[in-house]
Amino acid sequence: MRTLICGSLAYDTIMVFKDRFKNHILPEQIHILNVAFLVPDMRREYGGCAGNIAYNLKLLGDEPMIMATVGDDASLYMQRLDHLGLDSRHVKHIAGSYTAQAFITTDLDDNQITAFHPGAMTQSHANQIREAENISLGIISPDGRDGMIDHARQFHEAGIPFVFDPGQGLPMFSGPELLHFLQLADWCTVNDYEARMLADRTGRTLDELAREVQALIVTYGGNGSEILVDGQRLSIPSVAAEQILDPTGCGDAYRAGLLYGMARGWNWQKTGRLASLMGSIKIGHRGGQNHKLTRDDIAERYRQAFGETL
């Protein structure tokens, strides 16, 4: 039985402006803003939440299945998935569209200006959960609005337990819609900012929201994470990173660790510790899919961090 990863596949084009935005933006002229930044450094990364989560699960030795929609420009990404041995049979091509992509310009202070084109992602509802066979666990990560709604209902109707991971897609939904997601889902995972937004939109406290699911997982970056389960708050420590280069995709790496532990019925402490380690490993590499470790490498780092075997 396998884990189905519903979410986006995207290209991230990252450009570096060798100065500071504040030196080139006049606050008193913001109403007629017209600026151009010279960006001599540029790279293109493979990303998207589904791609990143699946990549990390593959590193752990799992065999995830991706469900996503892509456009006419997806050939390089599809070749990459094939090269990595990632199951892409449920990645659907939407003719006449682009694959989702972000254009990110970063300055010397690590400020970012981002433009995101959803492209084929808006047609994610073209995929149906019933099309995937032998699935024992799923996750709904940021995707097209209609697709996220449909897939939550379809997972629930099929009796397949799943994680609701709204991420940057959370603002698309109203309070009642978010509560409905939680009532359908088995688990929910958010970062601290998303947790505050979730509480604000629903008018519920985190403890009240946690009662809607089996567990509510909240990440706090370098301050670790917290798992609200059975009326308790379990504290999961962060793992010191070898170096801090790029937070892009750290949340997705963390979620891969969660899914790996959940699929094996581990207790929450061990599951959370693996998730924390995966996020720590990712932050030491640029891009969401450039850390190349074997499962044995990850197991050794886990032993060094927590004094127990993986």
C-alpha atoms as a PDB file:
ATOM      1  CA  MET A   1       0.000   0.000   0.000  1.00  0.00           C
ATOM      2  CA  ARG A   2       1.252   3.452  -0.905  1.00  0.00           C
ATOM      3  CA  THR A   3       0.994   7.146  -0.035  1.00  0.00           C
ATOM      4  CA  LEU A   4      -0.754   9.456  -2.525  1.00  0.00           C
ATOM      5  CA  ILE A   5       0.658  12.988  -2.668  1.00  0.00           C
ATOM      6  CA  CYS A   6      -1.894  15.504  -3.991  1.00  0.00           C
ATOM      7  CA  GLY A   7      -0.499  18.948  -4.717  1.00  0.00           C
ATOM      8  CA  SER A   8       1.484  21.047  -7.137  1.00  0.00           C
ATOM      9  CA  LEU A   9       4.427  20.440  -9.391  1.00  0.00           C
ATOM     10  CA  ALA A  10       6.094  23.762 -10.174  1.00  0.00           C
ATOM     11  CA  TYR A  11       9.165  25.436 -11.559  1.00  0.00           C
ATOM     12  CA  ASP A  12      10.841  28.016  -9.330  1.00  0.00           C
ATOM     13  CA  THR A  13      12.918  30.643 -11.134  1.00  0.00           C
ATOM     14  CA  ILE A  14      15.091  32.340  -8.519  1.00  0.00           C
ATOM     15  CA  MET A  15      16.962  35.554  -9.303  1.00  0.00           C
ATOM     16  CA  VAL A  16      19.409  37.438  -7.066  1.00  0.00           C
ATOM     17  CA  PHE A  17      19.560  41.238  -7.079  1.00  0.00           C
ATOM     18  CA  LYS A  18      23.026  42.263  -5.863  1.00  0.00           C
ATOM     19  CA  ASP A  19      21.690  45.260  -3.938  1.00  0.00           C
ATOM     20  CA  ARG A  20      18.818  46.138  -1.622  1.00  0.00           C
ATOM     21  CA  PHE A  21      15.285  46.840  -2.802  1.00  0.00           C
ATOM     22  CA  LYS A  22      15.013  49.740  -0.349  1.00  0.00           C
ATOM     23  CA  ASN A  23      17.731  51.598  -2.242  1.00  0.00           C
ATOM     24  CA  HIS A  24      15.665  51.580  -5.430  1.00  0.00           C
ATOM     25  CA  ILE A  25      12.078  51.957  -4.270  1.00  0.00           C
ATOM     26  CA  LEU A  26      10.915  55.441  -3.318  1.00  0.00           C
ATOM     27  CA  PRO A  27       8.189  55.121  -0.671  1.00  0.00           C
ATOM     28  CA  GLU A  28       6.585  58.432  -1.624  1.00  0.00           C
ATOM     29  CA  GLN A  29       6.288  57.218  -5.244  1.00  0.00           C
ATOM     30  CA  ILE A  30       4.887  53.775  -4.502  1.00  0.00           C
ATOM     31  CA  HIS A  31       1.599  54.681  -6.222  1.00  0.00           C
ATOM     32  CA  ILE A  32       3.442  54.942  -9.569  1.00  0.00           C
ATOM     33  CA  LEU A  33       5.933  52.146  -9.000  1.00  0.00           C
ATOM     34  CA  ASN A  34       7.983  51.326 -12.087  1.00  0.00           C
ATOM     35  CA  VAL A  35      11.290  49.638 -11.296  1.00  0.00           C
ATOM     36  CA  ALA A  36      13.593  47.115 -12.930  1.00  0.00           C
ATOM     37  CA  PHE A  37      16.232  45.041 -11.157  1.00  0.00           C
ATOM     38  CA  LEU A  38      19.329  43.674 -12.866  1.00  0.00           C
ATOM     39  CA  VAL A  39      19.660  40.032 -11.792  1.00  0.00           C
ATOM     40  CA  PRO A  40      22.925  38.519 -13.070  1.00  0.00           C
ATOM     41  CA  ASP A  41      22.430  35.368 -10.957  1.00  0.00           C
ATOM     42  CA  MET A  42      19.510  33.153 -11.889  1.00  0.00           C
ATOM     43  CA  ARG A  43      18.678  29.506 -11.390  1.00  0.00           C
ATOM     44  CA  ARG A  44      15.680  27.321 -12.094  1.00  0.00           C
ATOM     45  CA  GLU A  45      14.633  24.745  -9.534  1.00  0.00           C
ATOM     46  CA  TYR A  46      12.149  21.900  -9.556  1.00  0.00           C
ATOM     47  CA  GLY A  47       9.549  22.498  -6.886  1.00  0.00           C
ATOM     48  CA  GLY A  48       5.911  22.417  -5.958  1.00  0.00           C
ATOM     49  CA  CYS A  49       4.684  20.857  -2.720  1.00  0.00           C
ATOM     50  CA  ALA A  50       3.798  17.470  -4.222  1.00  0.00           C
ATOM     51  CA  GLY A  51       7.149  17.218  -5.980  1.00  0.00           C
ATOM     52  CA  ASN A  52       9.090  18.199  -2.868  1.00  0.00           C
ATOM     53  CA  ILE A  53       7.208  15.877  -0.521  1.00  0.00           C
ATOM     54  CA  ALA A  54       7.518  12.931  -2.898  1.00  0.00           C
ATOM     55  CA  TYR A  55      11.236  13.618  -3.397  1.00  0.00           C
ATOM     56  CA  ASN A  56      11.874  13.439   0.355  1.00  0.00           C
ATOM     57  CA  LEU A  57       9.761  10.320   0.809  1.00  0.00           C
ATOM     58  CA  LYS A  58      11.788   8.651  -1.940  1.00  0.00           C
ATOM     59  CA  LEU A  59      15.002   9.516  -0.071  1.00  0.00           C
ATOM     60  CA  LEU A  60      13.574   7.695   2.939  1.00  0.00           C
ATOM     61  CA  GLY A  61      13.012   4.594   0.818  1.00  0.00           C
ATOM     62  CA  ASP A  62       9.269   4.978   0.325  1.00  0.00           C
ATOM     63  CA  GLU A  63       7.399   4.677  -2.995  1.00  0.00           C
ATOM     64  CA  PRO A  64       5.044   7.682  -3.086  1.00  0.00           C
ATOM     65  CA  MET A  65       2.578   8.319  -5.893  1.00  0.00           C
ATOM     66  CA  ILE A  66       2.111  11.894  -7.174  1.00  0.00           C
ATOM     67  CA  MET A  67      -1.254  13.310  -8.237  1.00  0.00           C
ATOM     68  CA  ALA A  68      -0.892  16.700  -9.949  1.00  0.00           C
ATOM     69  CA  THR A  69      -1.574  18.674 -13.117  1.00  0.00           C
ATOM     70  CA  VAL A  70       1.082  20.148 -15.422  1.00  0.00           C
ATOM     71  CA  GLY A  71       1.213  22.193 -18.619  1.00  0.00           C
ATOM     72  CA  ASP A  72       2.800  22.027 -22.054  1.00  0.00           C
ATOM     73  CA  ASP A  73       6.239  22.934 -20.644  1.00  0.00           C
ATOM     74  CA  ALA A  74       6.426  19.973 -18.241  1.00  0.00           C
ATOM     75  CA  SER A  75       8.680  17.651 -20.256  1.00  0.00           C
ATOM     76  CA  LEU A  76      11.856  18.380 -18.254  1.00  0.00           C
ATOM     77  CA  TYR A  77      10.038  17.849 -14.956  1.00  0.00           C
ATOM     78  CA  MET A  78       8.480  14.619 -16.180  1.00  0.00           C
ATOM     79  CA  GLN A  79      11.904  13.375 -17.285  1.00  0.00           C
ATOM     80  CA  ARG A  80      13.222  14.203 -13.821  1.00  0.00           C
ATOM     81  CA  LEU A  81      10.439  12.276 -12.086  1.00  0.00           C
ATOM     82  CA  ASP A  82      11.194   9.280 -14.292  1.00  0.00           C
ATOM     83  CA  HIS A  83      14.930   9.568 -13.554  1.00  0.00           C
ATOM     84  CA  LEU A  84      14.218   9.661  -9.811  1.00  0.00           C
ATOM     85  CA  GLY A  85      11.926   6.649 -10.036  1.00  0.00           C
ATOM     86  CA  LEU A  86       8.924   8.634  -8.798  1.00  0.00           C
ATOM     87  CA  ASP A  87       5.510   7.333  -9.849  1.00  0.00           C
ATOM     88  CA  SER A  88       3.912   9.960 -12.089  1.00  0.00           C
ATOM     89  CA  ARG A  89       1.095   7.963 -13.683  1.00  0.00           C
ATOM     90  CA  HIS A  90      -1.428  10.367 -12.072  1.00  0.00           C
ATOM     91  CA  VAL A  91       0.289  13.550 -13.241  1.00  0.00           C
ATOM     92  CA  LYS A  92      -2.156  14.894 -15.808  1.00  0.00           C
ATOM     93  CA  HIS A  93      -1.219  17.133 -18.724  1.00  0.00           C
ATOM     94  CA  ILE A  94      -3.524  20.121 -19.229  1.00  0.00           C
ATOM     95  CA  ALA A  95      -3.106  21.187 -22.858  1.00  0.00           C
ATOM     96  CA  GLY A  96      -2.740  24.885 -23.598  1.00  0.00           C
ATOM     97  CA  SER A  97      -1.450  25.772 -20.142  1.00  0.00           C
ATOM     98  CA  TYR A  98       1.853  26.318 -18.373  1.00  0.00           C
ATOM     99  CA  THR A  99       3.057  24.282 -15.417  1.00  0.00           C
ATOM    100  CA  ALA A 100       2.700  26.274 -12.191  1.00  0.00           C
ATOM    101  CA  GLN A 101       5.720  28.474 -11.594  1.00  0.00           C
ATOM    102  CA  ALA A 102       7.118  31.080  -9.258  1.00  0.00           C
ATOM    103  CA  PHE A 103       9.425  33.922 -10.230  1.00  0.00           C
ATOM    104  CA  ILE A 104      11.342  35.014  -7.145  1.00  0.00           C
ATOM    105  CA  THR A 105      13.719  37.976  -6.911  1.00  0.00           C
ATOM    106  CA  THR A 106      15.805  38.124  -3.729  1.00  0.00           C
ATOM    107  CA  ASP A 107      17.928  41.052  -2.549  1.00  0.00           C
ATOM    108  CA  LEU A 108      20.996  41.126  -0.269  1.00  0.00           C
ATOM    109  CA  ASP A 109      18.771  41.380   2.819  1.00  0.00           C
ATOM    110  CA  ASP A 110      16.911  38.212   1.796  1.00  0.00           C
ATOM    111  CA  ASN A 111      13.773  40.208   1.022  1.00  0.00           C
ATOM    112  CA  GLN A 112      11.785  38.634  -1.777  1.00  0.00           C
ATOM    113  CA  ILE A 113       9.434  39.813  -4.505  1.00  0.00           C
ATOM    114  CA  THR A 114       7.519  36.855  -5.908  1.00  0.00           C
ATOM    115  CA  ALA A 115       5.109  36.425  -8.791  1.00  0.00           C
ATOM    116  CA  PHE A 116       3.280  33.087  -8.925  1.00  0.00           C
ATOM    117  CA  HIS A 117       1.458  31.732 -11.971  1.00  0.00           C
ATOM    118  CA  PRO A 118      -0.778  28.753 -11.041  1.00  0.00           C
ATOM    119  CA  GLY A 119      -1.247  27.558 -14.624  1.00  0.00           C
ATOM    120  CA  ALA A 120      -2.321  23.932 -14.860  1.00  0.00           C
ATOM    121  CA  MET A 121      -2.639  23.731 -11.080  1.00  0.00           C
ATOM    122  CA  THR A 122      -6.054  25.405 -11.312  1.00  0.00           C
ATOM    123  CA  GLN A 123      -7.292  22.277 -13.104  1.00  0.00           C
ATOM    124  CA  SER A 124      -6.246  19.851 -10.363  1.00  0.00           C
ATOM    125  CA  HIS A 125      -9.870  18.775  -9.965  1.00  0.00           C
ATOM    126  CA  ALA A 126      -9.422  16.925 -13.279  1.00  0.00           C
ATOM    127  CA  ASN A 127      -7.747  14.208 -11.184  1.00  0.00           C
ATOM    128  CA  GLN A 128      -9.882  11.798  -9.167  1.00  0.00           C
ATOM    129  CA  ILE A 129      -8.716   9.928  -6.063  1.00  0.00           C
ATOM    130  CA  ARG A 130     -10.499   6.770  -7.233  1.00  0.00           C
ATOM    131  CA  GLU A 131      -8.087   6.592 -10.176  1.00  0.00           C
ATOM    132  CA  ALA A 132      -5.217   5.708  -7.803  1.00  0.00           C
ATOM    133  CA  GLU A 133      -5.089   2.113  -6.581  1.00  0.00           C
ATOM    134  CA  ASN A 134      -3.643   0.497  -3.468  1.00  0.00           C
ATOM    135  CA  ILE A 135      -3.493   3.761  -1.489  1.00  0.00           C
ATOM    136  CA  SER A 136      -3.381   3.534   2.303  1.00  0.00           C
ATOM    137  CA  LEU A 137      -2.526   7.148   3.164  1.00  0.00           C
ATOM    138  CA  GLY A 138      -2.801  10.527   1.498  1.00  0.00           C
ATOM    139  CA  ILE A 139      -1.991  14.202   1.815  1.00  0.00           C
ATOM    140  CA  ILE A 140      -3.652  17.258   0.327  1.00  0.00           C
ATOM    141  CA  SER A 141      -1.030  19.976  -0.015  1.00  0.00           C
ATOM    142  CA  PRO A 142      -1.489  23.380  -1.729  1.00  0.00           C
ATOM    143  CA  ASP A 143      -3.118  22.948  -5.121  1.00  0.00           C
ATOM    144  CA  GLY A 144      -6.004  24.357  -7.126  1.00  0.00           C
ATOM    145  CA  ARG A 145      -8.925  25.376  -4.905  1.00  0.00           C
ATOM    146  CA  ASP A 146     -11.482  23.058  -6.522  1.00  0.00           C
ATOM    147  CA  GLY A 147      -9.032  20.178  -6.529  1.00  0.00           C
ATOM    148  CA  MET A 148      -8.310  20.513  -2.809  1.00  0.00           C
ATOM    149  CA  ILE A 149     -12.029  20.543  -2.005  1.00  0.00           C
ATOM    150  CA  ASP A 150     -12.819  17.589  -4.271  1.00  0.00           C
ATOM    151  CA  HIS A 151      -9.870  15.486  -3.154  1.00  0.00           C
ATOM    152  CA  ALA A 152     -10.683  15.936   0.545  1.00  0.00           C
ATOM    153  CA  ARG A 153     -14.213  14.699  -0.071  1.00  0.00           C
ATOM    154  CA  GLN A 154     -12.978  11.822  -2.246  1.00  0.00           C
ATOM    155  CA  PHE A 155     -10.374  10.670   0.288  1.00  0.00           C
ATOM    156  CA  HIS A 156     -13.041  10.717   3.006  1.00  0.00           C
ATOM    157  CA  GLU A 157     -15.589   8.847   0.911  1.00  0.00           C
ATOM    158  CA  ALA A 158     -12.993   6.208   0.009  1.00  0.00           C
ATOM    159  CA  GLY A 159     -12.089   5.725   3.683  1.00  0.00           C
ATOM    160  CA  ILE A 160      -8.446   6.661   3.032  1.00  0.00           C
ATOM    161  CA  PRO A 161      -6.909   8.574   5.967  1.00  0.00           C
ATOM    162  CA  PHE A 162      -5.272  11.809   4.894  1.00  0.00           C
ATOM    163  CA  VAL A 163      -3.368  14.870   6.055  1.00  0.00           C
ATOM    164  CA  PHE A 164      -4.744  18.338   5.347  1.00  0.00           C
ATOM    165  CA  ASP A 165      -1.777  20.620   4.594  1.00  0.00           C
ATOM    166  CA  PRO A 166      -3.281  23.947   3.423  1.00  0.00           C
ATOM    167  CA  GLY A 167       0.033  25.859   3.351  1.00  0.00           C
ATOM    168  CA  GLN A 168       0.008  28.968   1.197  1.00  0.00           C
ATOM    169  CA  GLY A 169      -3.375  27.890  -0.147  1.00  0.00           C
ATOM    170  CA  LEU A 170      -5.064  28.563   3.194  1.00  0.00           C
ATOM    171  CA  PRO A 171      -6.208  32.136   2.303  1.00  0.00           C
ATOM    172  CA  MET A 172      -8.367  30.695  -0.516  1.00  0.00           C
ATOM    173  CA  PHE A 173     -10.813  29.242   2.017  1.00  0.00           C
ATOM    174  CA  SER A 174     -13.343  30.707   4.427  1.00  0.00           C
ATOM    175  CA  GLY A 175     -13.629  29.717   8.075  1.00  0.00           C
ATOM    176  CA  PRO A 176     -16.528  27.275   7.481  1.00  0.00           C
ATOM    177  CA  GLU A 177     -14.654  25.708   4.553  1.00  0.00           C
ATOM    178  CA  LEU A 178     -11.530  25.212   6.667  1.00  0.00           C
ATOM    179  CA  LEU A 179     -13.581  23.614   9.440  1.00  0.00           C
ATOM    180  CA  HIS A 180     -15.125  21.268   6.883  1.00  0.00           C
ATOM    181  CA  PHE A 181     -11.630  20.246   5.713  1.00  0.00           C
ATOM    182  CA  LEU A 182     -10.706  19.410   9.316  1.00  0.00           C
ATOM    183  CA  GLN A 183     -13.875  17.381   9.798  1.00  0.00           C
ATOM    184  CA  LEU A 184     -13.015  15.292   6.733  1.00  0.00           C
ATOM    185  CA  ALA A 185      -9.276  14.966   7.416  1.00  0.00           C
ATOM    186  CA  ASP A 186      -7.536  12.725   9.923  1.00  0.00           C
ATOM    187  CA  TRP A 187      -4.618  15.087  10.584  1.00  0.00           C
ATOM    188  CA  CYS A 188      -3.703  18.689   9.849  1.00  0.00           C
ATOM    189  CA  THR A 189      -0.265  20.312   9.612  1.00  0.00           C
ATOM    190  CA  VAL A 190       0.480  24.047   9.434  1.00  0.00           C
ATOM    191  CA  ASN A 191       3.307  26.430  10.281  1.00  0.00           C
ATOM    192  CA  ASP A 192       2.916  28.968  13.081  1.00  0.00           C
ATOM    193  CA  TYR A 193       1.678  31.774  10.799  1.00  0.00           C
ATOM    194  CA  GLU A 194      -0.836  29.458   9.127  1.00  0.00           C
ATOM    195  CA  ALA A 195      -1.945  28.235  12.556  1.00  0.00           C
ATOM    196  CA  ARG A 196      -2.774  31.805  13.609  1.00  0.00           C
ATOM    197  CA  MET A 197      -4.654  32.378  10.350  1.00  0.00           C
ATOM    198  CA  LEU A 198      -6.532  29.077  10.762  1.00  0.00           C
ATOM    199  CA  ALA A 199      -7.592  30.062  14.271  1.00  0.00           C
ATOM    200  CA  ASP A 200      -8.559  33.583  13.170  1.00  0.00           C
ATOM    201  CA  ARG A 201     -10.654  32.439  10.196  1.00  0.00           C
ATOM    202  CA  THR A 202     -12.489  29.719  12.100  1.00  0.00           C
ATOM    203  CA  GLY A 203     -12.868  31.617  15.369  1.00  0.00           C
ATOM    204  CA  ARG A 204     -11.495  28.605  17.253  1.00  0.00           C
ATOM    205  CA  THR A 205      -8.441  28.139  19.431  1.00  0.00           C
ATOM    206  CA  LEU A 206      -5.768  25.656  18.359  1.00  0.00           C
ATOM    207  CA  ASP A 207      -6.833  23.301  21.143  1.00  0.00           C
ATOM    208  CA  GLU A 208     -10.409  23.421  19.871  1.00  0.00           C
ATOM    209  CA  LEU A 209      -9.273  22.854  16.283  1.00  0.00           C
ATOM    210  CA  ALA A 210      -7.131  19.907  17.385  1.00  0.00           C
ATOM    211  CA  ARG A 211     -10.271  18.157  18.594  1.00  0.00           C
ATOM    212  CA  GLU A 212     -11.557  18.079  15.015  1.00  0.00           C
ATOM    213  CA  VAL A 213      -8.683  15.807  13.912  1.00  0.00           C
ATOM    214  CA  GLN A 214      -6.590  13.002  15.366  1.00  0.00           C
ATOM    215  CA  ALA A 215      -3.613  15.354  15.602  1.00  0.00           C
ATOM    216  CA  LEU A 216      -2.773  18.958  14.707  1.00  0.00           C
ATOM    217  CA  ILE A 217       0.903  19.557  13.931  1.00  0.00           C
ATOM    218  CA  VAL A 218       2.332  23.093  14.106  1.00  0.00           C
ATOM    219  CA  THR A 219       5.888  23.900  13.006  1.00  0.00           C
ATOM    220  CA  TYR A 220       7.935  26.817  14.354  1.00  0.00           C
ATOM    221  CA  GLY A 221      11.004  26.783  12.109  1.00  0.00           C
ATOM    222  CA  GLY A 222      14.199  26.728  14.158  1.00  0.00           C
ATOM    223  CA  ASN A 223      12.141  26.555  17.362  1.00  0.00           C
ATOM    224  CA  GLY A 224      10.929  23.040  16.628  1.00  0.00           C
ATOM    225  CA  SER A 225       7.337  21.911  16.350  1.00  0.00           C
ATOM    226  CA  GLU A 226       4.366  20.922  18.439  1.00  0.00           C
ATOM    227  CA  ILE A 227       1.897  18.074  18.045  1.00  0.00           C
ATOM    228  CA  LEU A 228      -1.526  18.581  19.615  1.00  0.00           C
ATOM    229  CA  VAL A 229      -2.950  15.113  20.188  1.00  0.00           C
ATOM    230  CA  ASP A 230      -5.290  13.512  22.754  1.00  0.00           C
ATOM    231  CA  GLY A 231      -5.537  16.757  24.704  1.00  0.00           C
ATOM    232  CA  GLN A 232      -1.755  17.020  25.024  1.00  0.00           C
ATOM    233  CA  ARG A 233       0.900  19.220  23.420  1.00  0.00           C
ATOM    234  CA  LEU A 234       3.966  17.202  22.498  1.00  0.00           C
ATOM    235  CA  SER A 235       7.081  19.318  21.979  1.00  0.00           C
ATOM    236  CA  ILE A 236       9.403  18.211  19.165  1.00  0.00           C
ATOM    237  CA  PRO A 237      12.875  19.791  19.178  1.00  0.00           C
ATOM    238  CA  SER A 238      14.508  21.180  16.084  1.00  0.00           C
ATOM    239  CA  VAL A 239      17.699  19.556  14.820  1.00  0.00           C
ATOM    240  CA  ALA A 240      20.733  21.798  14.377  1.00  0.00           C
ATOM    241  CA  ALA A 241      21.462  22.180  10.672  1.00  0.00           C
ATOM    242  CA  GLU A 242      24.952  21.689   9.289  1.00  0.00           C
ATOM    243  CA  GLN A 243      24.448  25.002   7.503  1.00  0.00           C
ATOM    244  CA  ILE A 244      21.535  27.313   6.787  1.00  0.00           C
ATOM    245  CA  LEU A 245      21.279  28.105   3.085  1.00  0.00           C
ATOM    246  CA  ASP A 246      17.662  28.081   1.911  1.00  0.00           C
ATOM    247  CA  PRO A 247      14.355  27.469   3.740  1.00  0.00           C
ATOM    248  CA  THR A 248      12.515  26.732   0.477  1.00  0.00           C
ATOM    249  CA  GLY A 249      10.891  23.307   0.783  1.00  0.00           C
ATOM    250  CA  CYS A 250      11.739  22.732   4.454  1.00  0.00           C
ATOM    251  CA  GLY A 251       8.069  22.378   5.341  1.00  0.00           C
ATOM    252  CA  ASP A 252       7.619  19.817   2.583  1.00  0.00           C
ATOM    253  CA  ALA A 253      10.604  17.817   3.843  1.00  0.00           C
ATOM    254  CA  TYR A 254       9.082  17.914   7.331  1.00  0.00           C
ATOM    255  CA  ARG A 255       5.785  16.594   5.981  1.00  0.00           C
ATOM    256  CA  ALA A 256       7.548  13.728   4.252  1.00  0.00           C
ATOM    257  CA  GLY A 257       8.941  12.691   7.626  1.00  0.00           C
ATOM    258  CA  LEU A 258       5.451  12.835   9.115  1.00  0.00           C
ATOM    259  CA  LEU A 259       3.994  10.687   6.356  1.00  0.00           C
ATOM    260  CA  TYR A 260       6.792   8.134   6.640  1.00  0.00           C
ATOM    261  CA  GLY A 261       6.182   7.692  10.373  1.00  0.00           C
ATOM    262  CA  MET A 262       2.406   7.667  10.033  1.00  0.00           C
ATOM    263  CA  ALA A 263       2.509   4.979   7.354  1.00  0.00           C
ATOM    264  CA  ARG A 264       4.466   2.761   9.743  1.00  0.00           C
ATOM    265  CA  GLY A 265       2.366   3.390  12.824  1.00  0.00           C
ATOM    266  CA  TRP A 266       5.176   5.028  14.783  1.00  0.00           C
ATOM    267  CA  ASN A 267       4.428   7.003  17.932  1.00  0.00           C
ATOM    268  CA  TRP A 268       4.196  10.780  17.580  1.00  0.00           C
ATOM    269  CA  GLN A 269       7.525  11.523  19.247  1.00  0.00           C
ATOM    270  CA  LYS A 270       9.497   9.386  16.807  1.00  0.00           C
ATOM    271  CA  THR A 271       7.439  10.575  13.827  1.00  0.00           C
ATOM    272  CA  GLY A 272       7.938  14.217  14.807  1.00  0.00           C
ATOM    273  CA  ARG A 273      11.674  13.769  15.359  1.00  0.00           C
ATOM    274  CA  LEU A 274      12.151  12.292  11.889  1.00  0.00           C
ATOM    275  CA  ALA A 275      10.109  15.147  10.407  1.00  0.00           C
ATOM    276  CA  SER A 276      12.278  17.667  12.250  1.00  0.00           C
ATOM    277  CA  LEU A 277      15.451  16.024  10.958  1.00  0.00           C
ATOM    278  CA  MET A 278      14.206  16.079   7.358  1.00  0.00           C
ATOM    279  CA  GLY A 279      13.574  19.815   7.581  1.00  0.00           C
ATOM    280  CA  SER A 280      17.060  20.343   9.037  1.00  0.00           C
ATOM    281  CA  ILE A 281      18.683  18.391   6.220  1.00  0.00           C
ATOM    282  CA  LYS A 282      16.820  20.353   3.552  1.00  0.00           C
ATOM    283  CA  ILE A 283      17.723  23.807   4.865  1.00  0.00           C
ATOM    284  CA  GLY A 284      21.407  23.089   4.198  1.00  0.00           C
ATOM    285  CA  HIS A 285      20.824  22.918   0.439  1.00  0.00           C
ATOM    286  CA  ARG A 286      19.519  25.389  -2.115  1.00  0.00           C
ATOM    287  CA  GLY A 287      16.225  24.519  -3.774  1.00  0.00           C
ATOM    288  CA  GLY A 288      13.613  22.030  -2.654  1.00  0.00           C
ATOM    289  CA  GLN A 289      15.097  18.905  -4.272  1.00  0.00           C
ATOM    290  CA  ASN A 290      18.892  19.152  -4.270  1.00  0.00           C
ATOM    291  CA  HIS A 291      19.793  17.264  -1.089  1.00  0.00           C
ATOM    292  CA  LYS A 292      21.045  13.836  -2.108  1.00  0.00           C
ATOM    293  CA  LEU A 293      21.165  11.455   0.848  1.00  0.00           C
ATOM    294  CA  THR A 294      20.516   7.749   1.152  1.00  0.00           C
ATOM    295  CA  ARG A 295      18.201   6.290   3.770  1.00  0.00           C
ATOM    296  CA  ASP A 296      21.294   5.026   5.600  1.00  0.00           C
ATOM    297  CA  ASP A 297      22.648   8.587   5.689  1.00  0.00           C
ATOM    298  CA  ILE A 298      19.375   9.832   7.150  1.00  0.00           C
ATOM    299  CA  ALA A 299      19.271   6.993   9.693  1.00  0.00           C
ATOM    300  CA  GLU A 300      22.795   7.840  10.884  1.00  0.00           C
ATOM    301  CA  ARG A 301      21.916  11.513  11.282  1.00  0.00           C
ATOM    302  CA  TYR A 302      18.799  10.481  13.205  1.00  0.00           C
ATOM    303  CA  ARG A 303      20.906   8.302  15.527  1.00  0.00           C
ATOM    304  CA  GLN A 304      23.361  11.157  16.115  1.00  0.00           C
ATOM    305  CA  ALA A 305      20.545  13.625  16.845  1.00  0.00           C
ATOM    306  CA  PHE A 306      18.317  11.463  19.048  1.00  0.00           C
ATOM    307  CA  GLY A 307      20.413   8.504  20.200  1.00  0.00           C
ATOM    308  CA  GLU A 308      18.100   5.862  18.756  1.00  0.00           C
ATOM    309  CA  THR A 309      17.785   3.871  15.559  1.00  0.00           C
ATOM    310  CA  LEU A 310      15.446   4.810  12.771  1.00  0.00           C
END
